[in-house]
């Protein structure tokens, strides 16, 4: 089921905004999913309008990859004619949950991802420097 820009008669709309970390380029190929009371809907990165009937929904979001990345959920009450904002942010680190709320949220795990990337870069730089030093000294 694809998001529909037109709300049903006497219905409401979930305005779902999805974001991913800029370094998570692989997620561009795997759009997020939302499950509303068990009914799965494929979304796209960015703005989505999902028409719904008024009621209470168990909203669960994730990014399908080798497993469900960034699972996050919350209950949502929808009233007739309402435009309900929902914000979802996928995590920086695939083993973490995502973030979800009615106001903008940030992608979890930024500090861990930056630390791992800086550490890997420092290790690579150290290997290159030691290799060049070995060549220059003849060892």
C-alpha atoms as a PDB file:
ATOM      1  CA  UNK A   1       0.000   0.000   0.000  1.00  0.00           C
ATOM      2  CA  UNK A   2       1.439   3.388  -1.008  1.00  0.00           C
ATOM      3  CA  UNK A   3       0.831   6.681   0.821  1.00  0.00           C
ATOM      4  CA  UNK A   4      -2.072   8.608  -0.690  1.00  0.00           C
ATOM      5  CA  UNK A   5      -2.022  12.432  -0.755  1.00  0.00           C
ATOM      6  CA  UNK A   6      -5.831  12.712  -0.438  1.00  0.00           C
ATOM      7  CA  UNK A   7      -7.486  11.997   2.946  1.00  0.00           C
ATOM      8  CA  UNK A   8     -10.587   9.795   2.971  1.00  0.00           C
ATOM      9  CA  UNK A   9     -13.998  11.377   3.636  1.00  0.00           C
ATOM     10  CA  UNK A  10     -14.360  12.254   7.341  1.00  0.00           C
ATOM     11  CA  UNK A  11     -10.911  10.782   7.830  1.00  0.00           C
ATOM     12  CA  UNK A  12      -7.607  12.186   8.918  1.00  0.00           C
ATOM     13  CA  UNK A  13      -3.994  12.198   7.779  1.00  0.00           C
ATOM     14  CA  UNK A  14      -0.749  11.104   9.385  1.00  0.00           C
ATOM     15  CA  UNK A  15       1.926  13.492   8.108  1.00  0.00           C
ATOM     16  CA  UNK A  16       4.980  11.260   8.519  1.00  0.00           C
ATOM     17  CA  UNK A  17       8.422  12.783   8.002  1.00  0.00           C
ATOM     18  CA  UNK A  18      11.266  10.268   7.759  1.00  0.00           C
ATOM     19  CA  UNK A  19      14.982  11.067   7.923  1.00  0.00           C
ATOM     20  CA  UNK A  20      18.216   9.093   7.785  1.00  0.00           C
ATOM     21  CA  UNK A  21      21.808   9.999   8.673  1.00  0.00           C
ATOM     22  CA  UNK A  22      23.676  11.524   5.721  1.00  0.00           C
ATOM     23  CA  UNK A  23      26.399   8.846   5.944  1.00  0.00           C
ATOM     24  CA  UNK A  24      23.859   6.008   5.813  1.00  0.00           C
ATOM     25  CA  UNK A  25      23.797   5.945   2.013  1.00  0.00           C
ATOM     26  CA  UNK A  26      22.718   2.276   1.896  1.00  0.00           C
ATOM     27  CA  UNK A  27      19.404   3.275   3.465  1.00  0.00           C
ATOM     28  CA  UNK A  28      18.589   5.273   0.329  1.00  0.00           C
ATOM     29  CA  UNK A  29      17.894   1.917  -1.350  1.00  0.00           C
ATOM     30  CA  UNK A  30      15.663   0.652   1.462  1.00  0.00           C
ATOM     31  CA  UNK A  31      12.744   2.997   2.164  1.00  0.00           C
ATOM     32  CA  UNK A  32      11.238   2.926   5.660  1.00  0.00           C
ATOM     33  CA  UNK A  33       8.074   1.079   6.621  1.00  0.00           C
ATOM     34  CA  UNK A  34       5.287   1.961   9.004  1.00  0.00           C
ATOM     35  CA  UNK A  35       2.976  -0.560  10.599  1.00  0.00           C
ATOM     36  CA  UNK A  36      -0.413   0.768  11.707  1.00  0.00           C
ATOM     37  CA  UNK A  37      -2.104  -1.785  13.963  1.00  0.00           C
ATOM     38  CA  UNK A  38      -0.236  -4.495  12.056  1.00  0.00           C
ATOM     39  CA  UNK A  39      -0.960  -3.204   8.522  1.00  0.00           C
ATOM     40  CA  UNK A  40       2.392  -2.461   6.857  1.00  0.00           C
ATOM     41  CA  UNK A  41       2.784   0.540   4.532  1.00  0.00           C
ATOM     42  CA  UNK A  42       5.876   1.329   2.456  1.00  0.00           C
ATOM     43  CA  UNK A  43       6.986   4.960   2.825  1.00  0.00           C
ATOM     44  CA  UNK A  44       9.690   7.058   1.193  1.00  0.00           C
ATOM     45  CA  UNK A  45      12.417   9.170   2.780  1.00  0.00           C
ATOM     46  CA  UNK A  46      11.068  12.647   3.432  1.00  0.00           C
ATOM     47  CA  UNK A  47       7.425  13.720   3.560  1.00  0.00           C
ATOM     48  CA  UNK A  48       4.605  11.146   3.507  1.00  0.00           C
ATOM     49  CA  UNK A  49       0.869  11.600   3.885  1.00  0.00           C
ATOM     50  CA  UNK A  50      -0.961   8.504   5.048  1.00  0.00           C
ATOM     51  CA  UNK A  51      -4.773   8.769   5.118  1.00  0.00           C
ATOM     52  CA  UNK A  52      -6.364   7.023   8.086  1.00  0.00           C
ATOM     53  CA  UNK A  53      -9.724   6.768   9.761  1.00  0.00           C
ATOM     54  CA  UNK A  54     -10.106   8.324  13.212  1.00  0.00           C
ATOM     55  CA  UNK A  55      -9.071   6.054  16.065  1.00  0.00           C
ATOM     56  CA  UNK A  56      -6.128   4.839  18.120  1.00  0.00           C
ATOM     57  CA  UNK A  57      -3.184   3.323  16.266  1.00  0.00           C
ATOM     58  CA  UNK A  58      -0.145   1.358  17.363  1.00  0.00           C
ATOM     59  CA  UNK A  59       2.429   2.954  15.052  1.00  0.00           C
ATOM     60  CA  UNK A  60       5.689   1.013  14.529  1.00  0.00           C
ATOM     61  CA  UNK A  61       8.445   2.161  12.151  1.00  0.00           C
ATOM     62  CA  UNK A  62      11.666   0.581  10.897  1.00  0.00           C
ATOM     63  CA  UNK A  63      13.972   0.266   7.907  1.00  0.00           C
ATOM     64  CA  UNK A  64      13.999  -3.200   6.288  1.00  0.00           C
ATOM     65  CA  UNK A  65      17.496  -4.408   5.535  1.00  0.00           C
ATOM     66  CA  UNK A  66      18.973  -7.775   6.493  1.00  0.00           C
ATOM     67  CA  UNK A  67      16.853  -7.304   9.620  1.00  0.00           C
ATOM     68  CA  UNK A  68      14.592  -4.541  10.922  1.00  0.00           C
ATOM     69  CA  UNK A  69      16.892  -1.567  11.571  1.00  0.00           C
ATOM     70  CA  UNK A  70      15.919   1.302  13.828  1.00  0.00           C
ATOM     71  CA  UNK A  71      12.660   0.002  15.216  1.00  0.00           C
ATOM     72  CA  UNK A  72      10.647   2.646  17.034  1.00  0.00           C
ATOM     73  CA  UNK A  73       7.002   2.930  17.931  1.00  0.00           C
ATOM     74  CA  UNK A  74       4.349   4.863  19.768  1.00  0.00           C
ATOM     75  CA  UNK A  75       0.582   4.978  20.154  1.00  0.00           C
ATOM     76  CA  UNK A  76      -1.171   7.662  18.107  1.00  0.00           C
ATOM     77  CA  UNK A  77      -4.669   9.046  18.675  1.00  0.00           C
ATOM     78  CA  UNK A  78      -6.263  10.392  15.497  1.00  0.00           C
ATOM     79  CA  UNK A  79      -9.368  12.583  15.573  1.00  0.00           C
ATOM     80  CA  UNK A  80     -11.719  13.302  12.640  1.00  0.00           C
ATOM     81  CA  UNK A  81     -10.183  15.759  10.185  1.00  0.00           C
ATOM     82  CA  UNK A  82      -6.865  15.878  12.077  1.00  0.00           C
ATOM     83  CA  UNK A  83      -3.450  16.314  10.453  1.00  0.00           C
ATOM     84  CA  UNK A  84      -1.208  14.412  12.885  1.00  0.00           C
ATOM     85  CA  UNK A  85       2.551  15.062  12.581  1.00  0.00           C
ATOM     86  CA  UNK A  86       4.869  12.100  13.117  1.00  0.00           C
ATOM     87  CA  UNK A  87       8.657  12.325  12.828  1.00  0.00           C
ATOM     88  CA  UNK A  88      10.923   9.281  12.470  1.00  0.00           C
ATOM     89  CA  UNK A  89      14.724   9.278  12.387  1.00  0.00           C
ATOM     90  CA  UNK A  90      16.694   6.144  11.502  1.00  0.00           C
ATOM     91  CA  UNK A  91      19.769   5.485  13.666  1.00  0.00           C
ATOM     92  CA  UNK A  92      23.407   6.075  12.721  1.00  0.00           C
ATOM     93  CA  UNK A  93      24.271   2.614  14.009  1.00  0.00           C
ATOM     94  CA  UNK A  94      22.344  -0.383  12.644  1.00  0.00           C
ATOM     95  CA  UNK A  95      22.142  -2.063  16.059  1.00  0.00           C
ATOM     96  CA  UNK A  96      20.246   0.815  17.672  1.00  0.00           C
ATOM     97  CA  UNK A  97      16.591   1.761  17.736  1.00  0.00           C
ATOM     98  CA  UNK A  98      15.270   4.708  15.792  1.00  0.00           C
ATOM     99  CA  UNK A  99      13.652   7.834  17.221  1.00  0.00           C
ATOM    100  CA  UNK A 100       9.991   8.758  16.839  1.00  0.00           C
ATOM    101  CA  UNK A 101       7.771  11.548  18.087  1.00  0.00           C
ATOM    102  CA  UNK A 102       5.261  14.271  17.267  1.00  0.00           C
ATOM    103  CA  UNK A 103       8.082  16.845  17.054  1.00  0.00           C
ATOM    104  CA  UNK A 104      11.348  16.621  15.112  1.00  0.00           C
ATOM    105  CA  UNK A 105      13.739  13.969  16.429  1.00  0.00           C
ATOM    106  CA  UNK A 106      17.433  13.361  15.788  1.00  0.00           C
ATOM    107  CA  UNK A 107      18.994  10.123  14.590  1.00  0.00           C
ATOM    108  CA  UNK A 108      20.287   8.133  17.588  1.00  0.00           C
ATOM    109  CA  UNK A 109      23.888   6.917  17.793  1.00  0.00           C
ATOM    110  CA  UNK A 110      25.708   9.845  16.198  1.00  0.00           C
ATOM    111  CA  UNK A 111      28.440   9.899  18.866  1.00  0.00           C
ATOM    112  CA  UNK A 112      29.098   6.151  18.538  1.00  0.00           C
ATOM    113  CA  UNK A 113      29.243   6.318  14.733  1.00  0.00           C
ATOM    114  CA  UNK A 114      31.613   9.287  14.728  1.00  0.00           C
ATOM    115  CA  UNK A 115      33.866   7.658  17.338  1.00  0.00           C
ATOM    116  CA  UNK A 116      34.089   4.421  15.343  1.00  0.00           C
ATOM    117  CA  UNK A 117      34.824   6.261  12.078  1.00  0.00           C
ATOM    118  CA  UNK A 118      37.455   8.522  13.671  1.00  0.00           C
ATOM    119  CA  UNK A 119      39.064   5.492  15.351  1.00  0.00           C
ATOM    120  CA  UNK A 120      39.178   3.560  12.075  1.00  0.00           C
ATOM    121  CA  UNK A 121      40.646   6.547  10.257  1.00  0.00           C
ATOM    122  CA  UNK A 122      43.299   7.040  12.974  1.00  0.00           C
ATOM    123  CA  UNK A 123      44.242   3.343  12.781  1.00  0.00           C
ATOM    124  CA  UNK A 124      44.517   3.514   8.992  1.00  0.00           C
ATOM    125  CA  UNK A 125      46.662   6.649   9.227  1.00  0.00           C
ATOM    126  CA  UNK A 126      48.922   4.959  11.807  1.00  0.00           C
ATOM    127  CA  UNK A 127      49.393   1.935   9.529  1.00  0.00           C
ATOM    128  CA  UNK A 128      50.286   4.171   6.570  1.00  0.00           C
ATOM    129  CA  UNK A 129      52.744   6.227   8.638  1.00  0.00           C
ATOM    130  CA  UNK A 130      54.420   3.117  10.066  1.00  0.00           C
ATOM    131  CA  UNK A 131      54.596   1.572   6.584  1.00  0.00           C
ATOM    132  CA  UNK A 132      56.191   4.704   5.107  1.00  0.00           C
ATOM    133  CA  UNK A 133      58.631   4.936   8.029  1.00  0.00           C
ATOM    134  CA  UNK A 134      59.621   1.297   7.514  1.00  0.00           C
ATOM    135  CA  UNK A 135      60.274   1.893   3.804  1.00  0.00           C
ATOM    136  CA  UNK A 136      62.301   5.032   4.473  1.00  0.00           C
ATOM    137  CA  UNK A 137      64.461   3.404   7.146  1.00  0.00           C
ATOM    138  CA  UNK A 138      64.932   0.213   5.185  1.00  0.00           C
ATOM    139  CA  UNK A 139      63.229  -2.058   7.784  1.00  0.00           C
END
